[in-house]
Each structure stands twice: as C-alpha cells, then as structure tokens.
C-alpha cells in the first residue's frame, strides 16, 4: 500500500518542483540503485548494481540515451533543417557477461528491439576480452564505444549499475563529445 501511494505521489512532487526527466532519472537511480548498493544492510545482501540487467532495463537505458542525444543534436540545427535521429537498432545480453547496444541514425525515431547474437557481437566480445585490465584480485573491463559510418556500438559489463538511466546520461556525454570533437577536427 505504501509503495502504491509513493508511486502516485512522487510524480506530483517532481512536477511541483519543476524537475525534468533527467533530474528525475538521477534521483530515482540514486535512491533505488546506487544508494542501496553503497550501503547494503548486511554483507550477504544482494547488491543491486551487481545484478545482471534485464531487457526492460536495457530498453530504459536505450530510450534515455537516444532521447538525450536527439535533444542535444537538434539544439544547433539551422531553421528548417531536417533532424537526424539516433535510435537503438537493437540491444542484447551476450553470453559472455556483456551487454551490447547498437545505435543508428535515421530520419525518424524507431523503437529498440532485442537482438540475437551475430558475428559482429562475437568480434566485439573478443575486443572486450582484450581490453580487460587486472590489478591483483580486481578485474576491470572498460566501456567500449565503437563507431562505424553505419552504427555506434556500446559494449559494457552485464551489471545493472552500468545500464541505468543515469549511466545513459554519461554515455550520451561521451558520444556527443566525440561527435563534436570529430566535427571540429574535420572543419580545420
């Protein structure tokens, strides 16, 4: 009953304070995912950020990522210019403990779809394995963002903390920064 009341009241509070969807995502991810993971009740408690992600979580990540990128790329669009939209062509949880999201660009927005494993996925998994850094008992896999003329591939560990809406904001910043940097280099 309390959860139901909270679910009805929170949107009203967000609206009252004029919070946009980006701030709401940061608040909800912080309270629902990051804070409980940073302060587990017991050492044996399941840690939210370390759980495997789910297709619905990947879809939320993908939707937020595309929403932010599409908003940012239309900011400098000349009057009458036709926007190109980023959309997630597909997303998948791979057998290797990794998730892959594939972005494409087109003239209309499309809904992401779950995909099946392909040869490119296997190549990206090999690339990910080669980018692992080990330091004592710790193993680090860096986020891999690979761009081709046809698509942008995002490969990260299959851990929910890597695929929240807040994480999508960080990835959008990296991608947009790379786009702006490459545009500046091509102008010079």
N, C-alpha and C. Protein backbone atom coordinates (compact mmCIF):
# COMPACT_ATOMS: atom_id res chain seq x y z
N UNK A 1 0.83 -1.19 0.00
CA UNK A 1 0.00 0.00 0.00
C UNK A 1 0.88 1.26 0.00
N UNK A 2 1.95 1.23 0.80
CA UNK A 2 2.85 2.38 0.86
C UNK A 2 3.54 2.61 -0.48
N UNK A 3 3.96 1.50 -1.14
CA UNK A 3 4.60 1.63 -2.45
C UNK A 3 3.64 2.23 -3.48
N UNK A 4 2.37 1.83 -3.41
CA UNK A 4 1.37 2.35 -4.33
C UNK A 4 1.17 3.85 -4.12
N UNK A 5 1.12 4.26 -2.87
CA UNK A 5 0.97 5.67 -2.55
C UNK A 5 2.19 6.45 -3.02
N UNK A 6 3.37 5.91 -2.78
CA UNK A 6 4.60 6.57 -3.20
C UNK A 6 4.64 6.72 -4.72
N UNK A 7 4.21 5.67 -5.44
CA UNK A 7 4.21 5.71 -6.90
C UNK A 7 3.25 6.79 -7.43
N UNK A 8 2.18 7.06 -6.70
CA UNK A 8 1.23 8.09 -7.13
C UNK A 8 1.69 9.50 -6.73
N UNK A 9 2.37 9.62 -5.60
CA UNK A 9 2.75 10.94 -5.08
C UNK A 9 4.04 11.48 -5.71
N UNK A 10 5.02 10.61 -5.96
CA UNK A 10 6.31 11.08 -6.47
C UNK A 10 6.19 11.91 -7.75
N UNK A 11 5.42 11.49 -8.76
CA UNK A 11 5.29 12.33 -9.96
C UNK A 11 4.73 13.72 -9.65
N UNK A 12 3.85 13.80 -8.67
CA UNK A 12 3.29 15.11 -8.29
C UNK A 12 4.36 15.99 -7.63
N UNK A 13 5.20 15.38 -6.82
CA UNK A 13 6.30 16.12 -6.18
C UNK A 13 7.27 16.62 -7.25
N UNK A 14 7.62 15.74 -8.20
CA UNK A 14 8.54 16.12 -9.28
C UNK A 14 7.96 17.30 -10.07
N UNK A 15 6.67 17.23 -10.35
CA UNK A 15 6.02 18.30 -11.11
C UNK A 15 6.00 19.60 -10.30
N UNK A 16 5.69 19.50 -9.03
CA UNK A 16 5.63 20.68 -8.16
C UNK A 16 6.97 21.43 -8.16
N UNK A 17 8.07 20.68 -8.07
CA UNK A 17 9.39 21.29 -8.04
C UNK A 17 9.96 21.56 -9.43
N UNK A 18 9.21 21.23 -10.47
CA UNK A 18 9.64 21.52 -11.83
C UNK A 18 10.83 20.68 -12.29
N UNK A 19 10.91 19.45 -11.83
CA UNK A 19 12.04 18.58 -12.19
C UNK A 19 11.80 17.95 -13.55
N UNK A 20 12.81 18.01 -14.42
CA UNK A 20 12.67 17.38 -15.74
C UNK A 20 13.05 15.90 -15.65
N UNK A 21 12.88 15.20 -16.75
CA UNK A 21 13.09 13.75 -16.73
C UNK A 21 14.54 13.37 -16.46
N UNK A 22 15.50 14.23 -16.77
CA UNK A 22 16.90 13.94 -16.50
C UNK A 22 17.15 13.94 -14.99
N UNK A 23 16.65 14.96 -14.31
CA UNK A 23 16.83 15.06 -12.87
C UNK A 23 16.08 13.92 -12.16
N UNK A 24 14.89 13.61 -12.65
CA UNK A 24 14.11 12.50 -12.07
C UNK A 24 14.88 11.18 -12.20
N UNK A 25 15.50 10.96 -13.37
CA UNK A 25 16.29 9.73 -13.57
C UNK A 25 17.44 9.67 -12.57
N UNK A 26 18.13 10.79 -12.38
CA UNK A 26 19.23 10.83 -11.42
C UNK A 26 18.75 10.55 -9.99
N UNK A 27 17.63 11.15 -9.61
CA UNK A 27 17.08 10.94 -8.27
C UNK A 27 16.67 9.48 -8.08
N UNK A 28 15.91 8.95 -9.03
CA UNK A 28 15.41 7.58 -8.89
C UNK A 28 16.54 6.55 -8.93
N UNK A 29 17.51 6.72 -9.83
CA UNK A 29 18.64 5.79 -9.87
C UNK A 29 19.45 5.87 -8.58
N UNK A 30 19.64 7.07 -8.07
CA UNK A 30 20.39 7.23 -6.83
C UNK A 30 19.70 6.54 -5.66
N UNK A 31 18.39 6.77 -5.53
CA UNK A 31 17.67 6.20 -4.38
C UNK A 31 17.37 4.72 -4.53
N UNK A 32 17.11 4.27 -5.77
CA UNK A 32 16.70 2.87 -5.97
C UNK A 32 17.85 1.91 -6.25
N UNK A 33 18.94 2.43 -6.82
CA UNK A 33 20.03 1.55 -7.26
C UNK A 33 21.34 1.84 -6.52
N UNK A 34 21.82 3.07 -6.63
CA UNK A 34 23.16 3.37 -6.14
C UNK A 34 23.25 3.42 -4.61
N UNK A 35 22.30 4.08 -3.97
CA UNK A 35 22.37 4.18 -2.51
C UNK A 35 22.25 2.80 -1.84
N UNK A 36 21.27 1.97 -2.19
CA UNK A 36 21.22 0.64 -1.56
C UNK A 36 22.47 -0.20 -1.85
N UNK A 37 23.10 0.02 -2.99
CA UNK A 37 24.31 -0.74 -3.33
C UNK A 37 25.51 -0.23 -2.53
N UNK A 38 25.54 1.05 -2.24
CA UNK A 38 26.66 1.63 -1.49
C UNK A 38 26.54 1.34 0.00
N UNK A 39 25.34 1.10 0.45
CA UNK A 39 25.11 0.85 1.88
C UNK A 39 24.25 -0.39 2.08
N UNK A 40 24.76 -1.58 1.73
CA UNK A 40 23.95 -2.79 1.91
C UNK A 40 23.68 -3.04 3.39
N UNK A 41 22.50 -3.59 3.68
CA UNK A 41 22.10 -3.84 5.06
C UNK A 41 22.98 -4.89 5.73
N UNK A 42 23.39 -5.90 4.97
CA UNK A 42 24.26 -6.95 5.50
C UNK A 42 25.29 -7.31 4.43
N UNK A 43 26.42 -7.89 4.83
CA UNK A 43 27.43 -8.26 3.82
C UNK A 43 26.92 -9.27 2.79
N UNK A 44 25.93 -10.07 3.17
CA UNK A 44 25.44 -11.09 2.24
C UNK A 44 24.27 -10.60 1.39
N UNK A 45 23.83 -9.36 1.61
CA UNK A 45 22.70 -8.84 0.84
C UNK A 45 23.08 -8.71 -0.64
N UNK A 46 22.12 -9.06 -1.48
CA UNK A 46 22.29 -8.93 -2.91
C UNK A 46 22.48 -7.44 -3.25
N UNK A 47 23.50 -7.12 -4.01
CA UNK A 47 23.81 -5.73 -4.33
C UNK A 47 23.23 -5.38 -5.70
N UNK A 48 22.35 -4.39 -5.70
CA UNK A 48 21.58 -4.03 -6.91
C UNK A 48 22.46 -3.73 -8.12
N UNK A 49 23.53 -2.96 -7.94
CA UNK A 49 24.36 -2.57 -9.09
C UNK A 49 25.08 -3.76 -9.70
N UNK A 50 25.24 -4.85 -8.94
CA UNK A 50 25.97 -6.02 -9.44
C UNK A 50 25.06 -7.08 -10.05
N UNK A 51 23.76 -6.86 -9.99
CA UNK A 51 22.83 -7.81 -10.62
C UNK A 51 22.94 -7.69 -12.13
N UNK A 52 22.62 -8.78 -12.81
CA UNK A 52 22.56 -8.73 -14.29
C UNK A 52 21.40 -7.82 -14.67
N UNK A 53 21.57 -7.12 -15.77
CA UNK A 53 20.49 -6.26 -16.23
C UNK A 53 19.43 -7.11 -16.93
N UNK A 54 18.33 -6.50 -17.24
CA UNK A 54 17.22 -7.20 -17.90
C UNK A 54 16.90 -6.48 -19.21
N UNK A 55 16.17 -7.14 -20.11
CA UNK A 55 15.77 -6.46 -21.34
C UNK A 55 15.02 -5.16 -21.10
N UNK A 56 14.15 -5.11 -20.09
CA UNK A 56 13.41 -3.87 -19.84
C UNK A 56 14.34 -2.77 -19.34
N UNK A 57 15.35 -3.13 -18.57
CA UNK A 57 16.32 -2.13 -18.10
C UNK A 57 17.18 -1.64 -19.27
N UNK A 58 17.58 -2.55 -20.16
CA UNK A 58 18.33 -2.14 -21.34
C UNK A 58 17.50 -1.21 -22.22
N UNK A 59 16.21 -1.48 -22.31
CA UNK A 59 15.34 -0.62 -23.11
C UNK A 59 15.22 0.77 -22.49
N UNK A 60 15.12 0.84 -21.15
CA UNK A 60 15.06 2.15 -20.49
C UNK A 60 16.36 2.92 -20.70
N UNK A 61 17.50 2.24 -20.57
CA UNK A 61 18.80 2.85 -20.83
C UNK A 61 18.83 3.38 -22.25
N UNK A 62 18.44 2.54 -23.21
CA UNK A 62 18.47 2.90 -24.62
C UNK A 62 17.58 4.08 -24.93
N UNK A 63 16.39 4.09 -24.36
CA UNK A 63 15.45 5.19 -24.60
C UNK A 63 15.99 6.50 -24.06
N UNK A 64 16.56 6.47 -22.85
CA UNK A 64 17.13 7.69 -22.26
C UNK A 64 18.32 8.17 -23.09
N UNK A 65 19.19 7.26 -23.49
CA UNK A 65 20.36 7.61 -24.29
C UNK A 65 19.94 8.31 -25.58
N UNK A 66 19.00 7.73 -26.30
CA UNK A 66 18.55 8.32 -27.57
C UNK A 66 17.82 9.64 -27.35
N UNK A 67 17.03 9.72 -26.31
CA UNK A 67 16.31 10.95 -26.00
C UNK A 67 17.28 12.10 -25.78
N UNK A 68 18.32 11.87 -24.99
CA UNK A 68 19.31 12.91 -24.69
C UNK A 68 20.10 13.27 -25.95
N UNK A 69 20.60 12.26 -26.67
CA UNK A 69 21.36 12.54 -27.89
C UNK A 69 20.52 13.31 -28.91
N UNK A 70 19.28 12.91 -29.08
CA UNK A 70 18.41 13.58 -30.05
C UNK A 70 18.14 15.02 -29.64
N UNK A 71 17.98 15.25 -28.36
CA UNK A 71 17.76 16.61 -27.87
C UNK A 71 19.00 17.46 -28.12
N UNK A 72 20.16 16.94 -27.78
CA UNK A 72 21.40 17.71 -27.93
C UNK A 72 21.72 17.98 -29.40
N UNK A 73 21.51 17.01 -30.27
CA UNK A 73 21.89 17.20 -31.67
C UNK A 73 20.94 18.14 -32.41
N UNK A 74 19.74 18.34 -31.90
CA UNK A 74 18.82 19.27 -32.57
C UNK A 74 18.98 20.70 -32.05
N UNK A 75 19.76 20.91 -30.99
CA UNK A 75 19.94 22.25 -30.43
C UNK A 75 20.56 23.21 -31.44
N UNK A 76 21.56 22.79 -32.17
CA UNK A 76 22.23 23.67 -33.12
C UNK A 76 21.73 23.55 -34.54
N UNK A 77 20.60 22.92 -34.72
CA UNK A 77 20.07 22.69 -36.06
C UNK A 77 19.59 24.01 -36.67
N UNK A 78 20.01 24.33 -37.89
CA UNK A 78 19.54 25.57 -38.52
C UNK A 78 18.03 25.52 -38.75
N UNK A 79 17.43 26.70 -38.80
CA UNK A 79 15.98 26.77 -39.01
C UNK A 79 15.63 26.09 -40.33
N UNK A 80 14.66 25.21 -40.28
CA UNK A 80 14.25 24.47 -41.47
C UNK A 80 15.10 23.23 -41.72
N UNK A 81 16.14 23.03 -40.91
CA UNK A 81 16.99 21.85 -41.07
C UNK A 81 16.25 20.58 -40.67
N UNK A 82 16.55 19.52 -41.34
CA UNK A 82 15.89 18.25 -41.05
C UNK A 82 16.76 17.46 -40.07
N UNK A 83 16.19 17.13 -38.92
CA UNK A 83 16.99 16.40 -37.93
C UNK A 83 17.23 14.95 -38.33
N UNK A 84 18.34 14.45 -37.88
CA UNK A 84 18.61 13.00 -37.97
C UNK A 84 18.51 12.49 -36.55
N UNK A 85 17.77 11.44 -36.36
CA UNK A 85 17.54 10.91 -35.03
C UNK A 85 18.41 9.70 -34.75
N UNK A 86 18.89 9.62 -33.52
CA UNK A 86 19.54 8.40 -33.07
C UNK A 86 18.44 7.46 -32.60
N UNK A 87 18.58 6.24 -32.94
CA UNK A 87 17.66 5.22 -32.41
C UNK A 87 18.46 3.97 -32.14
N UNK A 88 17.96 3.18 -31.22
CA UNK A 88 18.65 1.94 -30.89
C UNK A 88 18.12 0.88 -31.83
N UNK A 89 19.00 0.41 -32.67
CA UNK A 89 18.61 -0.62 -33.63
C UNK A 89 18.35 -1.93 -32.90
N UNK A 90 19.17 -2.19 -31.89
CA UNK A 90 18.99 -3.42 -31.13
C UNK A 90 19.84 -3.39 -29.87
N UNK A 91 19.47 -4.24 -28.95
CA UNK A 91 20.25 -4.42 -27.73
C UNK A 91 20.22 -5.90 -27.39
N UNK A 92 21.25 -6.34 -26.72
CA UNK A 92 21.28 -7.76 -26.36
C UNK A 92 22.18 -7.99 -25.17
N UNK A 93 21.81 -8.99 -24.38
CA UNK A 93 22.69 -9.50 -23.33
C UNK A 93 23.44 -10.66 -23.97
N UNK A 94 24.74 -10.59 -23.91
CA UNK A 94 25.56 -11.61 -24.55
C UNK A 94 25.93 -12.69 -23.54
N UNK A 95 26.24 -13.85 -24.04
CA UNK A 95 26.56 -14.98 -23.17
C UNK A 95 27.81 -14.76 -22.33
N UNK A 96 28.61 -13.80 -22.68
CA UNK A 96 29.89 -13.61 -22.02
C UNK A 96 29.83 -12.68 -20.81
N UNK A 97 28.64 -12.31 -20.36
CA UNK A 97 28.54 -11.38 -19.25
C UNK A 97 28.64 -9.93 -19.69
N UNK A 98 28.37 -9.70 -20.97
CA UNK A 98 28.40 -8.35 -21.52
C UNK A 98 27.04 -8.02 -22.13
N UNK A 99 26.77 -6.73 -22.27
CA UNK A 99 25.58 -6.28 -22.99
C UNK A 99 26.04 -5.38 -24.12
N UNK A 100 25.32 -5.41 -25.20
CA UNK A 100 25.63 -4.62 -26.38
C UNK A 100 24.40 -3.82 -26.79
N UNK A 101 24.59 -2.52 -27.00
CA UNK A 101 23.54 -1.66 -27.54
C UNK A 101 24.08 -1.07 -28.83
N UNK A 102 23.29 -1.16 -29.89
CA UNK A 102 23.69 -0.65 -31.20
C UNK A 102 22.82 0.54 -31.57
N UNK A 103 23.46 1.70 -31.74
CA UNK A 103 22.76 2.92 -32.16
C UNK A 103 22.92 3.12 -33.65
N UNK A 104 21.86 3.60 -34.27
CA UNK A 104 21.93 4.00 -35.67
C UNK A 104 21.30 5.38 -35.78
N UNK A 105 21.46 5.99 -36.95
CA UNK A 105 20.93 7.33 -37.16
C UNK A 105 20.03 7.30 -38.37
N UNK A 106 18.87 7.93 -38.26
CA UNK A 106 17.93 7.95 -39.37
C UNK A 106 17.06 9.19 -39.34
N UNK A 107 16.10 9.24 -40.23
CA UNK A 107 15.23 10.41 -40.32
C UNK A 107 14.00 10.31 -39.43
N UNK A 108 13.80 9.20 -38.78
CA UNK A 108 12.67 9.06 -37.87
C UNK A 108 13.08 8.22 -36.66
N UNK A 109 12.31 8.35 -35.60
CA UNK A 109 12.61 7.62 -34.38
C UNK A 109 12.03 6.21 -34.49
N UNK A 110 12.79 5.26 -34.01
CA UNK A 110 12.32 3.88 -34.02
C UNK A 110 12.43 3.32 -32.61
N UNK A 111 11.69 2.28 -32.36
CA UNK A 111 11.76 1.64 -31.05
C UNK A 111 12.84 0.57 -31.05
N UNK A 112 13.58 0.48 -29.94
CA UNK A 112 14.63 -0.54 -29.87
C UNK A 112 14.04 -1.94 -29.86
N UNK A 113 14.82 -2.87 -30.31
CA UNK A 113 14.36 -4.25 -30.28
C UNK A 113 15.48 -5.15 -29.78
N UNK A 114 15.08 -6.22 -29.16
CA UNK A 114 16.05 -7.18 -28.67
C UNK A 114 16.62 -7.94 -29.86
N UNK A 115 17.90 -8.26 -29.79
CA UNK A 115 18.52 -8.89 -30.95
C UNK A 115 19.07 -10.27 -30.60
N UNK A 116 19.48 -10.93 -31.63
CA UNK A 116 20.14 -12.22 -31.48
C UNK A 116 21.62 -12.03 -31.72
N UNK A 117 22.41 -12.97 -31.29
CA UNK A 117 23.86 -12.89 -31.43
C UNK A 117 24.27 -12.98 -32.91
N UNK A 118 25.20 -12.11 -33.30
CA UNK A 118 25.69 -12.09 -34.68
C UNK A 118 27.21 -12.15 -34.67
N UNK A 119 27.80 -12.21 -35.85
CA UNK A 119 29.27 -12.25 -35.96
C UNK A 119 29.91 -10.99 -35.38
N UNK A 120 29.28 -9.82 -35.60
CA UNK A 120 29.87 -8.58 -35.06
C UNK A 120 29.88 -8.62 -33.53
N UNK A 121 28.85 -9.23 -32.94
CA UNK A 121 28.82 -9.36 -31.48
C UNK A 121 30.01 -10.18 -31.00
N UNK A 122 30.30 -11.24 -31.71
CA UNK A 122 31.42 -12.10 -31.32
C UNK A 122 32.75 -11.35 -31.43
N UNK A 123 32.89 -10.54 -32.47
CA UNK A 123 34.11 -9.74 -32.63
C UNK A 123 34.23 -8.73 -31.50
N UNK A 124 33.13 -8.10 -31.13
CA UNK A 124 33.17 -7.14 -30.04
C UNK A 124 33.48 -7.81 -28.70
N UNK A 125 32.99 -9.03 -28.51
CA UNK A 125 33.31 -9.76 -27.28
C UNK A 125 34.81 -10.04 -27.22
N UNK A 126 35.43 -10.40 -28.34
CA UNK A 126 36.88 -10.63 -28.36
C UNK A 126 37.62 -9.33 -28.06
N UNK A 127 37.14 -8.23 -28.60
CA UNK A 127 37.74 -6.93 -28.32
C UNK A 127 37.63 -6.60 -26.83
N UNK A 128 36.48 -6.86 -26.24
CA UNK A 128 36.27 -6.59 -24.82
C UNK A 128 37.23 -7.42 -23.97
N UNK A 129 37.37 -8.69 -24.29
CA UNK A 129 38.28 -9.54 -23.52
C UNK A 129 39.71 -9.02 -23.58
N UNK A 130 40.09 -8.45 -24.71
CA UNK A 130 41.46 -7.95 -24.83
C UNK A 130 41.65 -6.62 -24.11
N UNK A 131 40.57 -5.96 -23.72
CA UNK A 131 40.69 -4.67 -23.04
C UNK A 131 40.58 -4.79 -21.52
N UNK A 132 40.52 -5.99 -21.02
CA UNK A 132 40.41 -6.20 -19.58
C UNK A 132 41.75 -5.88 -18.92
N UNK A 133 41.67 -5.17 -17.80
CA UNK A 133 42.85 -4.85 -17.01
C UNK A 133 42.73 -5.55 -15.67
N UNK A 134 43.77 -6.24 -15.26
CA UNK A 134 43.75 -6.91 -13.97
C UNK A 134 44.74 -6.24 -13.04
N UNK A 135 44.29 -6.03 -11.81
CA UNK A 135 45.13 -5.42 -10.79
C UNK A 135 44.92 -6.21 -9.51
N UNK A 136 45.78 -7.17 -9.27
CA UNK A 136 45.60 -8.04 -8.10
C UNK A 136 44.34 -8.87 -8.26
N UNK A 137 43.46 -8.78 -7.28
CA UNK A 137 42.22 -9.55 -7.31
C UNK A 137 41.12 -8.85 -8.11
N UNK A 138 41.38 -7.64 -8.59
CA UNK A 138 40.37 -6.88 -9.30
C UNK A 138 40.56 -6.98 -10.81
N UNK A 139 39.44 -7.13 -11.49
CA UNK A 139 39.44 -7.16 -12.95
C UNK A 139 38.55 -6.02 -13.44
N UNK A 140 39.07 -5.20 -14.35
CA UNK A 140 38.32 -4.06 -14.87
C UNK A 140 38.09 -4.24 -16.36
N UNK A 141 36.85 -4.08 -16.75
CA UNK A 141 36.51 -4.05 -18.17
C UNK A 141 36.03 -2.65 -18.48
N UNK A 142 36.72 -2.01 -19.35
CA UNK A 142 36.33 -0.65 -19.73
C UNK A 142 35.12 -0.70 -20.66
N UNK A 143 34.37 0.39 -20.63
CA UNK A 143 33.28 0.54 -21.59
C UNK A 143 33.91 0.70 -22.97
N UNK A 144 33.37 0.01 -23.93
CA UNK A 144 33.85 0.13 -25.30
C UNK A 144 32.75 0.79 -26.11
N UNK A 145 33.10 1.91 -26.74
CA UNK A 145 32.19 2.58 -27.65
C UNK A 145 32.91 2.61 -28.99
N UNK A 146 32.36 1.88 -29.94
CA UNK A 146 32.99 1.75 -31.25
C UNK A 146 32.05 2.35 -32.29
N UNK A 147 32.59 3.20 -33.14
CA UNK A 147 31.77 3.87 -34.15
C UNK A 147 32.20 3.46 -35.54
N UNK A 148 31.23 3.20 -36.39
CA UNK A 148 31.44 2.97 -37.81
C UNK A 148 30.53 3.96 -38.55
N UNK A 149 30.66 4.11 -39.85
CA UNK A 149 29.73 5.00 -40.55
C UNK A 149 28.26 4.57 -40.40
N UNK A 150 28.03 3.29 -40.15
CA UNK A 150 26.66 2.79 -40.07
C UNK A 150 26.08 2.78 -38.66
N UNK A 151 26.94 2.67 -37.63
CA UNK A 151 26.40 2.45 -36.28
C UNK A 151 27.41 2.84 -35.20
N UNK A 152 26.88 2.99 -33.99
CA UNK A 152 27.69 3.16 -32.79
C UNK A 152 27.38 1.96 -31.89
N UNK A 153 28.42 1.24 -31.48
CA UNK A 153 28.26 0.06 -30.64
C UNK A 153 28.73 0.40 -29.23
N UNK A 154 27.90 0.08 -28.24
CA UNK A 154 28.24 0.30 -26.84
C UNK A 154 28.27 -1.06 -26.17
N UNK A 155 29.44 -1.41 -25.64
CA UNK A 155 29.64 -2.71 -25.02
C UNK A 155 30.10 -2.48 -23.59
N UNK A 156 29.36 -3.05 -22.65
CA UNK A 156 29.67 -2.87 -21.23
C UNK A 156 29.36 -4.17 -20.48
N UNK A 157 29.90 -4.30 -19.27
CA UNK A 157 29.57 -5.48 -18.46
C UNK A 157 28.07 -5.56 -18.19
N UNK A 158 27.59 -6.77 -18.09
CA UNK A 158 26.17 -7.02 -17.81
C UNK A 158 25.92 -6.85 -16.31
N UNK A 159 26.04 -5.63 -15.85
CA UNK A 159 25.79 -5.26 -14.46
C UNK A 159 24.81 -4.09 -14.47
N UNK A 160 23.76 -4.20 -13.68
CA UNK A 160 22.71 -3.17 -13.74
C UNK A 160 23.25 -1.76 -13.49
N UNK A 161 24.25 -1.61 -12.63
CA UNK A 161 24.83 -0.30 -12.37
C UNK A 161 25.42 0.35 -13.61
N UNK A 162 25.74 -0.45 -14.62
CA UNK A 162 26.30 0.06 -15.88
C UNK A 162 25.21 0.46 -16.89
N UNK A 163 23.96 0.10 -16.61
CA UNK A 163 22.89 0.28 -17.60
C UNK A 163 21.69 1.04 -17.06
N UNK A 164 21.89 1.92 -16.08
CA UNK A 164 20.79 2.74 -15.56
C UNK A 164 20.56 3.93 -16.48
N UNK A 165 19.51 4.67 -16.21
CA UNK A 165 19.26 5.89 -16.99
C UNK A 165 20.35 6.92 -16.71
N UNK A 166 20.87 6.94 -15.48
CA UNK A 166 21.98 7.85 -15.15
C UNK A 166 23.22 7.49 -15.96
N UNK A 167 23.48 6.20 -16.11
CA UNK A 167 24.61 5.75 -16.92
C UNK A 167 24.42 6.17 -18.38
N UNK A 168 23.18 6.17 -18.84
CA UNK A 168 22.88 6.60 -20.21
C UNK A 168 23.26 8.07 -20.41
N UNK A 169 23.07 8.89 -19.39
CA UNK A 169 23.45 10.30 -19.48
C UNK A 169 24.96 10.43 -19.66
N UNK A 170 25.72 9.62 -18.91
CA UNK A 170 27.18 9.66 -19.03
C UNK A 170 27.65 9.19 -20.41
N UNK A 171 27.05 8.13 -20.91
CA UNK A 171 27.42 7.62 -22.23
C UNK A 171 27.03 8.63 -23.31
N UNK A 172 25.87 9.27 -23.17
CA UNK A 172 25.46 10.30 -24.13
C UNK A 172 26.48 11.43 -24.16
N UNK A 173 27.00 11.80 -23.00
CA UNK A 173 28.01 12.86 -22.93
C UNK A 173 29.28 12.46 -23.67
N UNK A 174 29.70 11.21 -23.50
CA UNK A 174 30.91 10.72 -24.18
C UNK A 174 30.70 10.71 -25.70
N UNK A 175 29.56 10.19 -26.13
CA UNK A 175 29.28 10.09 -27.57
C UNK A 175 29.16 11.49 -28.18
N UNK A 176 28.39 12.36 -27.56
CA UNK A 176 28.20 13.70 -28.11
C UNK A 176 29.52 14.47 -28.12
N UNK A 177 30.31 14.31 -27.05
CA UNK A 177 31.63 14.95 -27.02
C UNK A 177 32.51 14.47 -28.15
N UNK A 178 32.47 13.19 -28.44
CA UNK A 178 33.26 12.63 -29.54
C UNK A 178 32.77 13.16 -30.89
N UNK A 179 31.46 13.28 -31.04
CA UNK A 179 30.89 13.81 -32.28
C UNK A 179 31.34 15.26 -32.48
N UNK A 180 31.23 16.05 -31.43
CA UNK A 180 31.61 17.47 -31.53
C UNK A 180 33.11 17.61 -31.79
N UNK A 181 33.92 16.78 -31.16
CA UNK A 181 35.36 16.82 -31.37
C UNK A 181 35.69 16.44 -32.81
N UNK A 182 35.05 15.39 -33.32
CA UNK A 182 35.33 14.97 -34.71
C UNK A 182 34.85 16.02 -35.69
N UNK A 183 33.73 16.69 -35.40
CA UNK A 183 33.24 17.76 -36.28
C UNK A 183 34.22 18.93 -36.29
N UNK A 184 34.78 19.26 -35.15
CA UNK A 184 35.76 20.35 -35.06
C UNK A 184 37.02 19.99 -35.83
N UNK A 185 37.48 18.74 -35.71
CA UNK A 185 38.68 18.31 -36.43
C UNK A 185 38.47 18.34 -37.93
N UNK A 186 37.25 17.97 -38.39
CA UNK A 186 37.02 17.92 -39.83
C UNK A 186 36.88 19.31 -40.43
N UNK A 187 36.54 20.30 -39.60
CA UNK A 187 36.40 21.68 -40.10
C UNK A 187 37.78 22.29 -40.31
N UNK A 188 38.75 21.94 -39.45
CA UNK A 188 40.09 22.55 -39.51
C UNK A 188 40.86 22.13 -40.70
